[in-house]
Amino acid sequence: MPLFERARIEVYVPDLPHADYRNLVATLKREFTYTFGGCTMIGGLDGNYLSGTGLHIQDHVNLIYTDAHHAFDANFELMSTYADKLRDATFSVLMEDAILVAVSKIFHAD
C-alpha cells in the first residue's frame, strides 16, 4: 500500500473560559474545515512552558489540527507563510506569551 505525503498543521490554544479563546477555537475549526476539508480538536491537554520571565507555567491546552492537501516538501514556502499568518492572527486576538503553530510532514496510507 503506497503512502503519500501531506503537511499537518497544528495550533495549540490555551483552554481558558474567555470568549476570545472560544471564538478563536471556533474560527480555527471553520478555517480548517472549509480550507482543507476537516479538522480534529483534542481538548483538555495539560501544557507546561516557561514564561518570558522564566516562570514555570502549567495550563490546559486545546489542540486543533488538520492535514493539508499539499505535500510538505514541495510546498514548504506556502505552508510556512500559512503558519505565519495563523500565528499572527492568533496573537492579534489573544494576550499570550506564546502560541504554538506547528507544521510537520506526515504520510497517509492510500
Protein backbone atom coordinates (compact mmCIF):
# COMPACT_ATOMS: atom_id res chain seq x y z
CA MET A 1 0.00 0.00 0.00
CA PRO A 2 1.68 3.26 -1.08
CA LEU A 3 1.98 6.23 1.25
CA PHE A 4 1.51 9.83 0.21
CA GLU A 5 2.96 12.91 1.84
CA ARG A 6 0.87 15.63 3.48
CA ALA A 7 1.52 18.67 5.65
CA ARG A 8 -0.12 18.58 9.09
CA ILE A 9 -0.92 21.97 10.62
CA GLU A 10 -1.39 22.15 14.39
CA VAL A 11 -2.40 25.07 16.59
CA TYR A 12 -2.15 24.83 20.38
CA VAL A 13 -4.54 27.27 22.06
CA PRO A 14 -4.81 27.78 25.84
CA ASP A 15 -8.10 26.41 27.16
CA LEU A 16 -9.43 29.40 29.06
CA PRO A 17 -13.08 30.28 29.82
CA HIS A 18 -12.97 33.61 27.97
CA ALA A 19 -14.97 34.43 24.84
CA ASP A 20 -11.85 35.35 22.83
CA TYR A 21 -10.40 31.85 23.31
CA ARG A 22 -13.67 30.07 22.49
CA ASN A 23 -14.16 32.28 19.42
CA LEU A 24 -10.62 31.58 18.21
CA VAL A 25 -11.11 27.82 18.53
CA ALA A 26 -14.40 28.07 16.61
CA THR A 27 -12.74 30.21 13.93
CA LEU A 28 -9.85 27.76 13.52
CA LYS A 29 -12.28 24.86 13.21
CA ARG A 30 -14.17 26.70 10.45
CA GLU A 31 -10.95 27.75 8.70
CA PHE A 32 -9.52 24.24 8.66
CA THR A 33 -12.83 22.63 7.70
CA TYR A 34 -13.53 24.93 4.76
CA THR A 35 -9.91 25.22 3.60
CA PHE A 36 -8.77 21.61 4.00
CA GLY A 37 -12.00 19.60 4.27
CA GLY A 38 -11.94 18.94 8.01
CA CYS A 39 -10.04 19.10 11.26
CA THR A 40 -9.70 17.43 14.63
CA MET A 41 -9.70 19.03 18.06
CA ILE A 42 -8.37 17.46 21.22
CA GLY A 43 -9.29 19.41 24.33
CA GLY A 44 -8.17 19.28 27.93
CA LEU A 45 -4.50 18.62 27.27
CA ASP A 46 -2.05 19.54 30.03
CA GLY A 47 0.58 22.03 28.93
CA ASN A 48 3.79 23.25 30.55
CA TYR A 49 6.10 26.03 29.42
CA LEU A 50 8.49 28.68 30.66
CA SER A 51 7.21 32.23 30.51
CA GLY A 52 9.29 35.08 29.15
CA THR A 53 10.40 35.79 32.73
CA GLY A 54 11.45 32.17 33.28
CA LEU A 55 8.49 31.07 35.41
CA HIS A 56 7.15 27.54 35.01
CA ILE A 57 3.55 27.80 33.83
CA GLN A 58 1.04 24.94 33.79
CA ASP A 59 -2.09 25.33 31.71
CA HIS A 60 -4.73 23.46 29.79
CA VAL A 61 -4.48 23.46 26.02
CA ASN A 62 -6.72 22.69 23.05
CA LEU A 63 -5.04 21.18 20.00
CA ILE A 64 -6.70 21.85 16.65
CA TYR A 65 -5.11 20.17 13.64
CA THR A 66 -5.70 19.42 10.00
CA ASP A 67 -3.91 17.71 7.14
CA ALA A 68 -3.44 19.97 4.13
CA HIS A 69 -3.90 18.66 0.62
CA HIS A 70 -0.33 19.75 -0.07
CA ALA A 71 2.88 17.77 0.12
CA PHE A 72 5.13 19.23 2.82
CA ASP A 73 8.43 19.33 0.92
CA ALA A 74 7.06 20.60 -2.40
CA ASN A 75 5.04 23.34 -0.68
CA PHE A 76 7.33 24.35 2.16
CA GLU A 77 7.12 28.11 1.46
CA LEU A 78 3.33 28.01 1.13
CA MET A 79 2.97 26.11 4.42
CA SER A 80 5.46 28.42 6.14
CA THR A 81 3.54 31.51 5.04
CA TYR A 82 0.23 29.97 6.11
CA ALA A 83 1.64 29.07 9.55
CA ASP A 84 2.95 32.64 9.99
CA LYS A 85 -0.48 34.05 9.15
CA LEU A 86 -2.17 31.68 11.60
CA ARG A 87 0.25 32.69 14.35
CA ASP A 88 -0.19 36.41 13.62
CA ALA A 89 -3.98 36.09 13.57
CA THR A 90 -3.90 34.21 16.87
CA PHE A 91 -1.71 36.81 18.55
CA SER A 92 -3.99 39.59 17.26
CA VAL A 93 -6.94 38.26 19.29
CA LEU A 94 -5.25 36.72 22.36
CA MET A 95 -2.99 38.20 25.01
CA GLU A 96 -0.48 35.34 25.30
CA ASP A 97 3.27 34.99 25.80
CA ALA A 98 3.40 32.23 23.19
CA ILE A 99 1.15 30.35 20.81
CA LEU A 100 2.48 27.25 19.09
CA VAL A 101 1.66 26.75 15.42
CA ALA A 102 3.43 23.68 14.05
CA VAL A 103 3.62 22.21 10.57
CA SER A 104 5.04 18.75 10.07
CA LYS A 105 5.36 16.13 7.37
CA ILE A 106 3.13 13.09 7.73
CA PHE A 107 2.22 10.23 5.44
CA HIS A 108 -1.24 8.86 4.70
CA ALA A 109 -1.92 5.36 3.53
CA ASP A 110 -3.64 5.28 0.15
